[in-house]
Amino acid sequence: MEVDENKADTYLTDLTAEEIVKFNSIGHQAKRLEFAASRSLRTSIFGCKQIYYNEFGSPYIEDLGFISLSHTHGLVALAHSTAFNVGLDVESIREKAQLLHHKFIHTSEKEHFDTTNVFDMSLLWSFKETLFKLADRKGVLFSSDLIIRKEGERFFGTIHQYDVLHEYELIYQSFKQYLITCNSSKEKSHQIDSIRADK
């Protein structure tokens, strides 16, 4: 949903009492608006049901399966699945990801993504943000724990977690100047002897 600052008062009518308190505690005006818009989007889908967070900061609504929230300047999004855990990210297509790619890219990913291309690096970053939400743990290294590969026109993401690999199929959609990424499958887990690939 595109965020419209002219609808701020409308967004507020969709918040729970607890969310009004949270809204008032946010100091940055743009963040306040995004928070209210995300809850308005929630209300349009599920009604005014409280969003809770687990110990790792992942959102959920009781008895409604799995959700994931994401927002960036001008856009908020919500993914929902009753079948499997879901991760979602929205990003602007911008030079920042391309300029900082050395901080999050794995050597193997250079086979599938052009490090000089703003779209490719924005997409890779967004895929990794999606995986990060699925990892549901702290201490994740984007360059070595989250690996993206491409097979034909399909993308797959792997989370290296202790002695297990968690794999998901990933999809994306372009919307104006944004990228929307999420997983389209439940995880497939594989036990491995050594999890750390060459960086």
N, C-alpha and C. Protein backbone atom coordinates (compact mmCIF):
# COMPACT_ATOMS: atom_id res chain seq x y z
N MET A 1 0.84 -1.17 0.00
CA MET A 1 0.00 0.00 0.00
C MET A 1 0.88 1.24 0.00
N GLU A 2 0.60 2.16 -0.91
CA GLU A 2 1.35 3.40 -0.92
C GLU A 2 0.92 4.28 0.25
N VAL A 3 1.88 4.92 0.88
CA VAL A 3 1.62 5.74 2.05
C VAL A 3 1.25 7.15 1.60
N ASP A 4 0.14 7.65 2.11
CA ASP A 4 -0.35 8.98 1.75
C ASP A 4 -0.44 9.82 3.02
N GLU A 5 0.41 10.81 3.13
CA GLU A 5 0.41 11.63 4.34
C GLU A 5 -0.91 12.36 4.54
N ASN A 6 -1.68 12.54 3.49
CA ASN A 6 -2.98 13.20 3.61
C ASN A 6 -4.02 12.30 4.27
N LYS A 7 -3.68 11.00 4.42
CA LYS A 7 -4.61 10.06 5.04
C LYS A 7 -4.19 9.69 6.46
N ALA A 8 -3.30 10.46 7.04
CA ALA A 8 -2.78 10.14 8.37
C ALA A 8 -3.89 9.99 9.41
N ASP A 9 -4.86 10.89 9.39
CA ASP A 9 -5.95 10.81 10.37
C ASP A 9 -6.78 9.55 10.16
N THR A 10 -6.94 9.14 8.90
CA THR A 10 -7.68 7.91 8.61
C THR A 10 -6.92 6.70 9.12
N TYR A 11 -5.61 6.69 8.93
CA TYR A 11 -4.80 5.59 9.43
C TYR A 11 -4.97 5.41 10.93
N LEU A 12 -5.00 6.52 11.65
CA LEU A 12 -5.06 6.46 13.11
C LEU A 12 -6.33 5.79 13.62
N THR A 13 -7.40 5.89 12.85
CA THR A 13 -8.65 5.26 13.29
C THR A 13 -8.57 3.74 13.21
N ASP A 14 -7.55 3.21 12.54
CA ASP A 14 -7.40 1.76 12.39
C ASP A 14 -6.46 1.16 13.42
N LEU A 15 -5.93 1.95 14.34
CA LEU A 15 -4.97 1.48 15.33
C LEU A 15 -5.68 1.03 16.60
N THR A 16 -5.08 0.03 17.26
CA THR A 16 -5.56 -0.38 18.58
C THR A 16 -5.08 0.64 19.61
N ALA A 17 -5.59 0.54 20.82
CA ALA A 17 -5.19 1.46 21.89
C ALA A 17 -3.68 1.36 22.15
N GLU A 18 -3.15 0.14 22.15
CA GLU A 18 -1.71 -0.05 22.36
C GLU A 18 -0.91 0.56 21.22
N GLU A 19 -1.43 0.47 20.02
CA GLU A 19 -0.73 1.02 18.87
C GLU A 19 -0.74 2.54 18.87
N ILE A 20 -1.78 3.14 19.40
CA ILE A 20 -1.80 4.60 19.54
C ILE A 20 -0.67 5.05 20.46
N VAL A 21 -0.45 4.31 21.54
CA VAL A 21 0.64 4.63 22.47
C VAL A 21 1.98 4.50 21.75
N LYS A 22 2.15 3.41 21.00
CA LYS A 22 3.39 3.21 20.24
C LYS A 22 3.58 4.32 19.21
N PHE A 23 2.52 4.67 18.51
CA PHE A 23 2.57 5.74 17.51
C PHE A 23 3.07 7.04 18.13
N ASN A 24 2.55 7.38 19.28
CA ASN A 24 2.92 8.63 19.95
C ASN A 24 4.34 8.62 20.48
N SER A 25 4.93 7.41 20.61
CA SER A 25 6.30 7.32 21.13
C SER A 25 7.35 7.42 20.04
N ILE A 26 6.92 7.35 18.78
CA ILE A 26 7.85 7.42 17.65
C ILE A 26 8.17 8.87 17.36
N GLY A 27 9.44 9.22 17.40
CA GLY A 27 9.84 10.61 17.25
C GLY A 27 9.90 11.09 15.81
N HIS A 28 10.29 10.22 14.89
CA HIS A 28 10.48 10.61 13.50
C HIS A 28 9.15 10.61 12.78
N GLN A 29 8.78 11.73 12.17
CA GLN A 29 7.47 11.88 11.56
C GLN A 29 7.20 10.85 10.46
N ALA A 30 8.18 10.62 9.59
CA ALA A 30 7.99 9.65 8.51
C ALA A 30 7.78 8.24 9.05
N LYS A 31 8.53 7.89 10.11
CA LYS A 31 8.38 6.57 10.73
C LYS A 31 7.01 6.42 11.38
N ARG A 32 6.53 7.50 11.98
CA ARG A 32 5.20 7.48 12.60
C ARG A 32 4.14 7.18 11.53
N LEU A 33 4.28 7.86 10.39
CA LEU A 33 3.32 7.68 9.31
C LEU A 33 3.36 6.26 8.77
N GLU A 34 4.58 5.71 8.58
CA GLU A 34 4.72 4.35 8.08
C GLU A 34 4.12 3.34 9.06
N PHE A 35 4.36 3.56 10.34
CA PHE A 35 3.80 2.66 11.36
C PHE A 35 2.28 2.66 11.28
N ALA A 36 1.68 3.85 11.24
CA ALA A 36 0.22 3.96 11.20
C ALA A 36 -0.33 3.34 9.91
N ALA A 37 0.36 3.58 8.79
CA ALA A 37 -0.10 3.02 7.51
C ALA A 37 -0.04 1.50 7.52
N SER A 38 1.02 0.93 8.12
CA SER A 38 1.14 -0.53 8.16
C SER A 38 0.01 -1.16 8.98
N ARG A 39 -0.38 -0.47 10.06
CA ARG A 39 -1.48 -0.99 10.88
C ARG A 39 -2.82 -0.80 10.18
N SER A 40 -2.94 0.26 9.40
CA SER A 40 -4.15 0.46 8.61
C SER A 40 -4.29 -0.64 7.56
N LEU A 41 -3.16 -1.00 6.94
CA LEU A 41 -3.16 -2.10 5.98
C LEU A 41 -3.58 -3.38 6.67
N ARG A 42 -3.04 -3.64 7.86
CA ARG A 42 -3.43 -4.82 8.65
C ARG A 42 -4.93 -4.85 8.89
N THR A 43 -5.48 -3.71 9.30
CA THR A 43 -6.90 -3.64 9.61
C THR A 43 -7.76 -3.90 8.38
N SER A 44 -7.29 -3.44 7.22
CA SER A 44 -8.06 -3.66 5.99
C SER A 44 -8.11 -5.14 5.61
N ILE A 45 -7.13 -5.92 6.09
CA ILE A 45 -7.06 -7.35 5.76
C ILE A 45 -7.70 -8.21 6.85
N PHE A 46 -7.34 -7.95 8.10
CA PHE A 46 -7.72 -8.83 9.21
C PHE A 46 -8.68 -8.19 10.21
N GLY A 47 -8.96 -6.92 10.05
CA GLY A 47 -9.64 -6.21 11.12
C GLY A 47 -8.62 -5.70 12.12
N CYS A 48 -9.09 -5.08 13.16
CA CYS A 48 -8.18 -4.42 14.10
C CYS A 48 -7.64 -5.42 15.13
N LYS A 49 -6.86 -6.40 14.63
CA LYS A 49 -6.28 -7.42 15.50
C LYS A 49 -4.86 -7.02 15.89
N GLN A 50 -4.53 -7.22 17.14
CA GLN A 50 -3.24 -6.80 17.66
C GLN A 50 -2.09 -7.58 17.02
N ILE A 51 -1.06 -6.87 16.61
CA ILE A 51 0.16 -7.51 16.14
C ILE A 51 1.12 -7.63 17.31
N TYR A 52 1.62 -8.84 17.54
CA TYR A 52 2.58 -9.09 18.60
C TYR A 52 3.94 -9.40 17.98
N TYR A 53 4.98 -9.43 18.81
CA TYR A 53 6.33 -9.73 18.32
C TYR A 53 6.96 -10.80 19.20
N ASN A 54 7.66 -11.74 18.56
CA ASN A 54 8.35 -12.76 19.34
C ASN A 54 9.69 -12.23 19.85
N GLU A 55 10.48 -13.08 20.48
CA GLU A 55 11.72 -12.64 21.11
C GLU A 55 12.75 -12.11 20.11
N PHE A 56 12.61 -12.45 18.83
CA PHE A 56 13.54 -11.98 17.81
C PHE A 56 13.00 -10.79 17.03
N GLY A 57 11.81 -10.31 17.43
CA GLY A 57 11.23 -9.16 16.76
C GLY A 57 10.35 -9.48 15.57
N SER A 58 10.04 -10.76 15.37
CA SER A 58 9.18 -11.15 14.24
C SER A 58 7.71 -10.98 14.62
N PRO A 59 6.90 -10.39 13.74
CA PRO A 59 5.49 -10.13 14.06
C PRO A 59 4.61 -11.36 13.90
N TYR A 60 3.53 -11.38 14.64
CA TYR A 60 2.51 -12.41 14.45
C TYR A 60 1.18 -11.91 14.98
N ILE A 61 0.12 -12.49 14.46
CA ILE A 61 -1.23 -12.25 14.96
C ILE A 61 -1.77 -13.59 15.42
N GLU A 62 -2.24 -13.66 16.63
CA GLU A 62 -2.67 -14.94 17.19
C GLU A 62 -3.74 -15.62 16.33
N ASP A 63 -3.51 -16.91 16.08
CA ASP A 63 -4.46 -17.77 15.37
C ASP A 63 -4.67 -17.40 13.90
N LEU A 64 -3.71 -16.69 13.31
CA LEU A 64 -3.87 -16.30 11.91
C LEU A 64 -2.70 -16.76 11.05
N GLY A 65 -2.01 -17.79 11.45
CA GLY A 65 -0.90 -18.29 10.65
C GLY A 65 0.32 -17.40 10.78
N PHE A 66 0.96 -17.09 9.67
CA PHE A 66 2.22 -16.36 9.66
C PHE A 66 2.08 -15.04 8.91
N ILE A 67 2.72 -14.00 9.43
CA ILE A 67 2.74 -12.72 8.72
C ILE A 67 4.16 -12.17 8.72
N SER A 68 4.39 -11.25 7.81
CA SER A 68 5.64 -10.49 7.79
C SER A 68 5.29 -9.08 7.33
N LEU A 69 5.92 -8.10 7.94
CA LEU A 69 5.68 -6.69 7.62
C LEU A 69 6.95 -6.06 7.08
N SER A 70 6.79 -5.10 6.18
CA SER A 70 7.94 -4.34 5.72
C SER A 70 7.47 -2.97 5.27
N HIS A 71 8.36 -2.01 5.38
CA HIS A 71 8.03 -0.67 4.90
C HIS A 71 9.31 0.05 4.50
N THR A 72 9.15 0.94 3.57
CA THR A 72 10.21 1.84 3.16
C THR A 72 9.55 3.17 2.86
N HIS A 73 10.32 4.17 2.55
CA HIS A 73 9.73 5.49 2.34
C HIS A 73 8.68 5.44 1.23
N GLY A 74 7.42 5.68 1.62
CA GLY A 74 6.34 5.74 0.64
C GLY A 74 5.57 4.46 0.42
N LEU A 75 5.97 3.35 1.06
CA LEU A 75 5.31 2.07 0.80
C LEU A 75 5.34 1.19 2.05
N VAL A 76 4.21 0.52 2.33
CA VAL A 76 4.15 -0.49 3.39
C VAL A 76 3.57 -1.76 2.79
N ALA A 77 3.96 -2.91 3.33
CA ALA A 77 3.50 -4.19 2.77
C ALA A 77 3.32 -5.22 3.88
N LEU A 78 2.45 -6.16 3.64
CA LEU A 78 2.19 -7.24 4.60
C LEU A 78 2.03 -8.54 3.80
N ALA A 79 2.74 -9.57 4.22
CA ALA A 79 2.59 -10.90 3.63
C ALA A 79 1.94 -11.81 4.66
N HIS A 80 1.11 -12.74 4.19
CA HIS A 80 0.40 -13.65 5.08
C HIS A 80 0.35 -15.04 4.47
N SER A 81 0.58 -16.05 5.28
CA SER A 81 0.46 -17.43 4.84
C SER A 81 -0.08 -18.27 5.98
N THR A 82 -1.01 -19.14 5.65
CA THR A 82 -1.50 -20.09 6.65
C THR A 82 -0.71 -21.39 6.58
N ALA A 83 0.13 -21.55 5.54
CA ALA A 83 0.81 -22.82 5.30
C ALA A 83 2.24 -22.86 5.81
N PHE A 84 2.95 -21.71 5.76
CA PHE A 84 4.36 -21.73 6.15
C PHE A 84 4.82 -20.34 6.57
N ASN A 85 5.94 -20.32 7.29
CA ASN A 85 6.52 -19.06 7.73
C ASN A 85 6.89 -18.22 6.52
N VAL A 86 6.65 -16.92 6.61
CA VAL A 86 6.86 -16.06 5.46
C VAL A 86 7.73 -14.86 5.85
N GLY A 87 8.63 -14.50 4.93
CA GLY A 87 9.45 -13.30 5.09
C GLY A 87 9.15 -12.36 3.94
N LEU A 88 9.18 -11.07 4.21
CA LEU A 88 8.82 -10.06 3.22
C LEU A 88 9.75 -8.86 3.35
N ASP A 89 10.12 -8.28 2.21
CA ASP A 89 10.89 -7.04 2.24
C ASP A 89 10.46 -6.15 1.09
N VAL A 90 10.43 -4.85 1.34
CA VAL A 90 10.23 -3.86 0.28
C VAL A 90 11.39 -2.89 0.32
N GLU A 91 11.93 -2.58 -0.84
CA GLU A 91 13.09 -1.70 -0.95
C GLU A 91 12.93 -0.77 -2.14
N SER A 92 13.47 0.42 -2.02
CA SER A 92 13.60 1.29 -3.18
C SER A 92 14.78 0.81 -4.01
N ILE A 93 14.65 0.89 -5.32
CA ILE A 93 15.78 0.58 -6.20
C ILE A 93 16.68 1.82 -6.20
N ARG A 94 17.86 1.69 -5.58
CA ARG A 94 18.72 2.87 -5.43
C ARG A 94 20.19 2.48 -5.38
N GLU A 95 21.04 3.47 -5.55
CA GLU A 95 22.47 3.23 -5.65
C GLU A 95 23.10 2.72 -4.35
N LYS A 96 22.47 2.96 -3.23
CA LYS A 96 23.07 2.61 -1.94
C LYS A 96 23.46 1.13 -1.89
N ALA A 97 22.58 0.27 -2.33
CA ALA A 97 22.87 -1.17 -2.30
C ALA A 97 24.06 -1.50 -3.18
N GLN A 98 24.14 -0.86 -4.35
CA GLN A 98 25.26 -1.12 -5.26
C GLN A 98 26.57 -0.63 -4.66
N LEU A 99 26.54 0.52 -4.03
CA LEU A 99 27.75 1.10 -3.45
C LEU A 99 28.25 0.30 -2.24
N LEU A 100 27.34 -0.35 -1.54
CA LEU A 100 27.71 -1.09 -0.32
C LEU A 100 27.69 -2.61 -0.52
N HIS A 101 27.65 -3.07 -1.77
CA HIS A 101 27.49 -4.50 -2.02
C HIS A 101 28.59 -5.35 -1.40
N HIS A 102 29.79 -4.79 -1.26
CA HIS A 102 30.90 -5.56 -0.70
C HIS A 102 30.64 -5.99 0.74
N LYS A 103 29.71 -5.33 1.40
CA LYS A 103 29.39 -5.67 2.79
C LYS A 103 28.45 -6.86 2.93
N PHE A 104 27.73 -7.20 1.83
CA PHE A 104 26.74 -8.26 1.97
C PHE A 104 26.81 -9.35 0.90
N ILE A 105 27.64 -9.17 -0.12
CA ILE A 105 27.65 -10.16 -1.20
C ILE A 105 28.62 -11.31 -0.89
N HIS A 106 28.23 -12.51 -1.28
CA HIS A 106 29.08 -13.69 -1.19
C HIS A 106 29.70 -13.92 -2.57
N THR A 107 30.91 -14.45 -2.61
CA THR A 107 31.60 -14.65 -3.88
C THR A 107 30.76 -15.42 -4.88
N SER A 108 30.06 -16.45 -4.43
CA SER A 108 29.26 -17.28 -5.34
C SER A 108 28.12 -16.50 -5.99
N GLU A 109 27.67 -15.43 -5.36
CA GLU A 109 26.53 -14.67 -5.88
C GLU A 109 26.91 -13.79 -7.08
N LYS A 110 28.20 -13.57 -7.26
CA LYS A 110 28.65 -12.75 -8.39
C LYS A 110 28.40 -13.44 -9.72
N GLU A 111 28.14 -14.75 -9.67
CA GLU A 111 27.81 -15.50 -10.88
C GLU A 111 26.41 -15.15 -11.38
N HIS A 112 25.54 -14.72 -10.45
CA HIS A 112 24.14 -14.49 -10.78
C HIS A 112 23.72 -13.02 -10.73
N PHE A 113 24.52 -12.19 -10.07
CA PHE A 113 24.17 -10.79 -9.88
C PHE A 113 25.33 -9.89 -10.31
N ASP A 114 25.02 -8.84 -11.05
CA ASP A 114 26.02 -7.89 -11.55
C ASP A 114 26.27 -6.83 -10.48
N THR A 115 27.48 -6.80 -9.94
CA THR A 115 27.80 -5.88 -8.85
C THR A 115 27.83 -4.42 -9.29
N THR A 116 27.83 -4.17 -10.60
CA THR A 116 27.82 -2.79 -11.09
C THR A 116 26.41 -2.32 -11.42
N ASN A 117 25.43 -3.19 -11.23
CA ASN A 117 24.05 -2.90 -11.62
C ASN A 117 23.21 -2.57 -10.39
N VAL A 118 22.60 -1.39 -10.38
CA VAL A 118 21.82 -0.94 -9.23
C VAL A 118 20.63 -1.86 -8.97
N PHE A 119 19.94 -2.28 -10.02
CA PHE A 119 18.78 -3.17 -9.84
C PHE A 119 19.22 -4.49 -9.22
N ASP A 120 20.26 -5.10 -9.76
CA ASP A 120 20.72 -6.39 -9.26
C ASP A 120 21.11 -6.32 -7.79
N MET A 121 21.84 -5.28 -7.41
CA MET A 121 22.29 -5.18 -6.02
C MET A 121 21.14 -4.85 -5.08
N SER A 122 20.18 -4.07 -5.56
CA SER A 122 18.99 -3.79 -4.75
C SER A 122 18.19 -5.07 -4.55
N LEU A 123 18.08 -5.88 -5.61
CA LEU A 123 17.35 -7.15 -5.51
C LEU A 123 18.06 -8.12 -4.57
N LEU A 124 19.37 -8.24 -4.70
CA LEU A 124 20.12 -9.13 -3.82
C LEU A 124 19.97 -8.72 -2.36
N TRP A 125 20.08 -7.42 -2.10
CA TRP A 125 19.92 -6.93 -0.72
C TRP A 125 18.52 -7.26 -0.20
N SER A 126 17.50 -7.04 -1.03
CA SER A 126 16.13 -7.29 -0.59
C SER A 126 15.89 -8.78 -0.33
N PHE A 127 16.42 -9.65 -1.20
CA PHE A 127 16.32 -11.08 -0.96
C PHE A 127 16.95 -11.45 0.39
N LYS A 128 18.09 -10.85 0.68
CA LYS A 128 18.77 -11.18 1.94
C LYS A 128 18.00 -10.65 3.15
N GLU A 129 17.34 -9.51 3.00
CA GLU A 129 16.49 -9.01 4.08
C GLU A 129 15.32 -9.98 4.32
N THR A 130 14.78 -10.53 3.25
CA THR A 130 13.72 -11.53 3.38
C THR A 130 14.22 -12.75 4.13
N LEU A 131 15.39 -13.25 3.77
CA LEU A 131 15.97 -14.40 4.47
C LEU A 131 16.26 -14.08 5.93
N PHE A 132 16.74 -12.87 6.18
CA PHE A 132 17.05 -12.46 7.55
C PHE A 132 15.80 -12.58 8.43
N LYS A 133 14.67 -12.18 7.89
CA LYS A 133 13.43 -12.28 8.67
C LYS A 133 13.05 -13.73 8.91
N LEU A 134 13.35 -14.59 7.96
CA LEU A 134 13.05 -16.01 8.12
C LEU A 134 14.01 -16.70 9.08
N ALA A 135 15.22 -16.16 9.22
CA ALA A 135 16.21 -16.77 10.10
C ALA A 135 15.78 -16.73 11.55
N ASP A 136 15.07 -15.67 11.95
CA ASP A 136 14.51 -15.58 13.29
C ASP A 136 15.57 -15.80 14.38
N ARG A 137 16.73 -15.21 14.18
CA ARG A 137 17.78 -15.29 15.19
C ARG A 137 18.70 -14.09 15.06
N LYS A 138 19.52 -13.90 16.06
CA LYS A 138 20.47 -12.79 16.05
C LYS A 138 21.83 -13.27 15.55
N GLY A 139 22.71 -12.34 15.25
CA GLY A 139 24.06 -12.68 14.84
C GLY A 139 24.19 -13.22 13.44
N VAL A 140 23.27 -12.85 12.55
CA VAL A 140 23.32 -13.33 11.17
C VAL A 140 24.27 -12.46 10.35
N LEU A 141 25.18 -13.11 9.61
CA LEU A 141 26.11 -12.42 8.73
C LEU A 141 25.57 -12.47 7.30
N PHE A 142 25.24 -11.31 6.75
CA PHE A 142 24.60 -11.27 5.44
C PHE A 142 25.50 -11.84 4.34
N SER A 143 26.81 -11.66 4.47
CA SER A 143 27.71 -12.07 3.40
C SER A 143 28.01 -13.57 3.39
N SER A 144 27.82 -14.25 4.52
CA SER A 144 28.19 -15.67 4.57
C SER A 144 27.08 -16.59 5.08
N ASP A 145 26.14 -16.07 5.84
CA ASP A 145 25.06 -16.91 6.37
C ASP A 145 23.83 -16.92 5.48
N LEU A 146 23.69 -15.91 4.62
CA LEU A 146 22.54 -15.80 3.74
C LEU A 146 23.03 -15.81 2.29
N ILE A 147 22.74 -16.88 1.57
CA ILE A 147 23.28 -17.06 0.22
C ILE A 147 22.13 -17.21 -0.78
N ILE A 148 22.21 -16.44 -1.88
CA ILE A 148 21.19 -16.48 -2.93
C ILE A 148 21.79 -17.10 -4.18
N ARG A 149 21.03 -17.97 -4.84
CA ARG A 149 21.46 -18.52 -6.11
C ARG A 149 20.29 -18.48 -7.08
N LYS A 150 20.61 -18.58 -8.36
CA LYS A 150 19.60 -18.54 -9.41
C LYS A 150 19.69 -19.80 -10.24
N GLU A 151 18.56 -20.42 -10.50
CA GLU A 151 18.49 -21.60 -11.37
C GLU A 151 17.48 -21.28 -12.47
N GLY A 152 17.98 -21.02 -13.67
CA GLY A 152 17.09 -20.58 -14.74
C GLY A 152 16.54 -19.21 -14.38
N GLU A 153 15.22 -19.12 -14.29
CA GLU A 153 14.58 -17.86 -13.89
C GLU A 153 14.12 -17.88 -12.44
N ARG A 154 14.50 -18.91 -11.70
CA ARG A 154 14.05 -19.05 -10.31
C ARG A 154 15.18 -18.71 -9.35
N PHE A 155 14.80 -18.13 -8.21
CA PHE A 155 15.78 -17.76 -7.18
C PHE A 155 15.56 -18.61 -5.93
N PHE A 156 16.66 -18.97 -5.29
CA PHE A 156 16.60 -19.74 -4.05
C PHE A 156 17.52 -19.09 -3.03
N GLY A 157 17.08 -19.09 -1.80
CA GLY A 157 17.90 -18.52 -0.73
C GLY A 157 18.17 -19.55 0.35
N THR A 158 19.40 -19.56 0.85
CA THR A 158 19.81 -20.51 1.87
C THR A 158 20.28 -19.78 3.12
N ILE A 159 19.79 -20.20 4.26
CA ILE A 159 20.25 -19.68 5.55
C ILE A 159 21.17 -20.73 6.15
N HIS A 160 22.43 -20.36 6.39
CA HIS A 160 23.38 -21.24 7.07
C HIS A 160 23.22 -21.04 8.57
N GLN A 161 22.70 -22.04 9.24
CA GLN A 161 22.41 -21.91 10.66
C GLN A 161 22.95 -23.12 11.42
N TYR A 162 24.06 -22.89 12.13
CA TYR A 162 24.71 -23.95 12.87
C TYR A 162 25.08 -25.09 11.91
N ASP A 163 24.56 -26.28 12.08
CA ASP A 163 24.92 -27.38 11.17
C ASP A 163 23.76 -27.74 10.25
N VAL A 164 22.90 -26.78 9.99
CA VAL A 164 21.73 -27.02 9.14
C VAL A 164 21.62 -25.91 8.09
N LEU A 165 21.24 -26.30 6.87
CA LEU A 165 20.91 -25.33 5.82
C LEU A 165 19.40 -25.26 5.68
N HIS A 166 18.86 -24.06 5.69
CA HIS A 166 17.43 -23.85 5.50
C HIS A 166 17.26 -23.17 4.15
N GLU A 167 16.53 -23.81 3.25
CA GLU A 167 16.41 -23.29 1.89
C GLU A 167 14.96 -22.91 1.57
N TYR A 168 14.81 -21.78 0.85
CA TYR A 168 13.51 -21.28 0.44
C TYR A 168 13.56 -20.85 -1.03
N GLU A 169 12.45 -21.01 -1.74
CA GLU A 169 12.35 -20.37 -3.05
C GLU A 169 11.90 -18.93 -2.82
N LEU A 170 12.49 -18.01 -3.58
CA LEU A 170 12.23 -16.59 -3.42
C LEU A 170 11.65 -16.01 -4.71
N ILE A 171 10.77 -15.04 -4.55
CA ILE A 171 10.18 -14.36 -5.70
C ILE A 171 10.26 -12.86 -5.48
N TYR A 172 10.14 -12.13 -6.58
CA TYR A 172 10.11 -10.67 -6.45
C TYR A 172 9.13 -10.07 -7.44
N GLN A 173 8.72 -8.85 -7.13
CA GLN A 173 7.85 -8.09 -8.01
C GLN A 173 8.33 -6.65 -8.01
N SER A 174 8.40 -6.05 -9.18
CA SER A 174 8.73 -4.63 -9.28
C SER A 174 7.44 -3.83 -9.22
N PHE A 175 7.48 -2.73 -8.47
CA PHE A 175 6.33 -1.84 -8.37
C PHE A 175 6.84 -0.40 -8.34
N LYS A 176 6.64 0.31 -9.45
CA LYS A 176 7.17 1.66 -9.59
C LYS A 176 8.67 1.63 -9.32
N GLN A 177 9.15 2.41 -8.31
CA GLN A 177 10.60 2.43 -8.02
C GLN A 177 10.98 1.45 -6.91
N TYR A 178 10.07 0.51 -6.61
CA TYR A 178 10.28 -0.41 -5.50
C TYR A 178 10.48 -1.85 -5.97
N LEU A 179 11.08 -2.64 -5.09
CA LEU A 179 11.13 -4.09 -5.22
C LEU A 179 10.42 -4.70 -4.02
N ILE A 180 9.60 -5.69 -4.28
CA ILE A 180 8.91 -6.43 -3.22
C ILE A 180 9.38 -7.87 -3.32
N THR A 181 9.99 -8.39 -2.26
CA THR A 181 10.50 -9.76 -2.28
C THR A 181 9.91 -10.57 -1.12
N CYS A 182 9.73 -11.87 -1.36
CA CYS A 182 9.28 -12.76 -0.28
C CYS A 182 9.59 -14.20 -0.68
N ASN A 183 9.42 -15.11 0.24
CA ASN A 183 9.57 -16.53 -0.08
C ASN A 183 8.23 -17.07 -0.54
N SER A 184 8.29 -18.00 -1.48
CA SER A 184 7.06 -18.59 -2.02
C SER A 184 6.94 -20.06 -1.63
N SER A 185 7.80 -20.52 -0.74
CA SER A 185 7.76 -21.92 -0.33
C SER A 185 8.12 -22.04 1.14
N LYS A 186 7.73 -23.16 1.73
CA LYS A 186 8.19 -23.45 3.08
C LYS A 186 9.64 -23.88 3.02
N GLU A 187 10.28 -23.93 4.15
CA GLU A 187 11.70 -24.26 4.17
C GLU A 187 11.95 -25.74 3.91
N LYS A 188 13.10 -26.00 3.30
CA LYS A 188 13.64 -27.35 3.18
C LYS A 188 14.95 -27.34 3.97
N SER A 189 15.07 -28.21 4.93
CA SER A 189 16.25 -28.23 5.79
C SER A 189 17.16 -29.40 5.44
N HIS A 190 18.47 -29.13 5.46
CA HIS A 190 19.46 -30.15 5.14
C HIS A 190 20.55 -30.13 6.21
N GLN A 191 20.84 -31.29 6.78
CA GLN A 191 21.93 -31.41 7.73
C GLN A 191 23.25 -31.42 6.97
N ILE A 192 24.23 -30.68 7.46
CA ILE A 192 25.53 -30.65 6.80
C ILE A 192 26.65 -30.80 7.81
N ASP A 193 27.83 -31.20 7.31
CA ASP A 193 28.98 -31.37 8.18
C ASP A 193 29.71 -30.06 8.41
N SER A 194 29.80 -29.26 7.38
CA SER A 194 30.50 -27.98 7.49
C SER A 194 29.66 -26.92 6.84
N ILE A 195 29.30 -25.87 7.57
CA ILE A 195 28.36 -24.89 7.05
C ILE A 195 29.04 -23.71 6.41
N ARG A 196 30.31 -23.51 6.63
CA ARG A 196 30.91 -22.24 6.24
C ARG A 196 31.58 -22.33 4.88
N ALA A 197 30.99 -21.69 3.89
CA ALA A 197 31.58 -21.67 2.56
C ALA A 197 32.65 -20.59 2.50
N ASP A 198 33.47 -20.65 1.48
CA ASP A 198 34.49 -19.61 1.32
C ASP A 198 33.84 -18.27 1.11
N LYS A 199 34.36 -17.25 1.77
CA LYS A 199 33.80 -15.91 1.64
C LYS A 199 34.36 -15.24 0.40
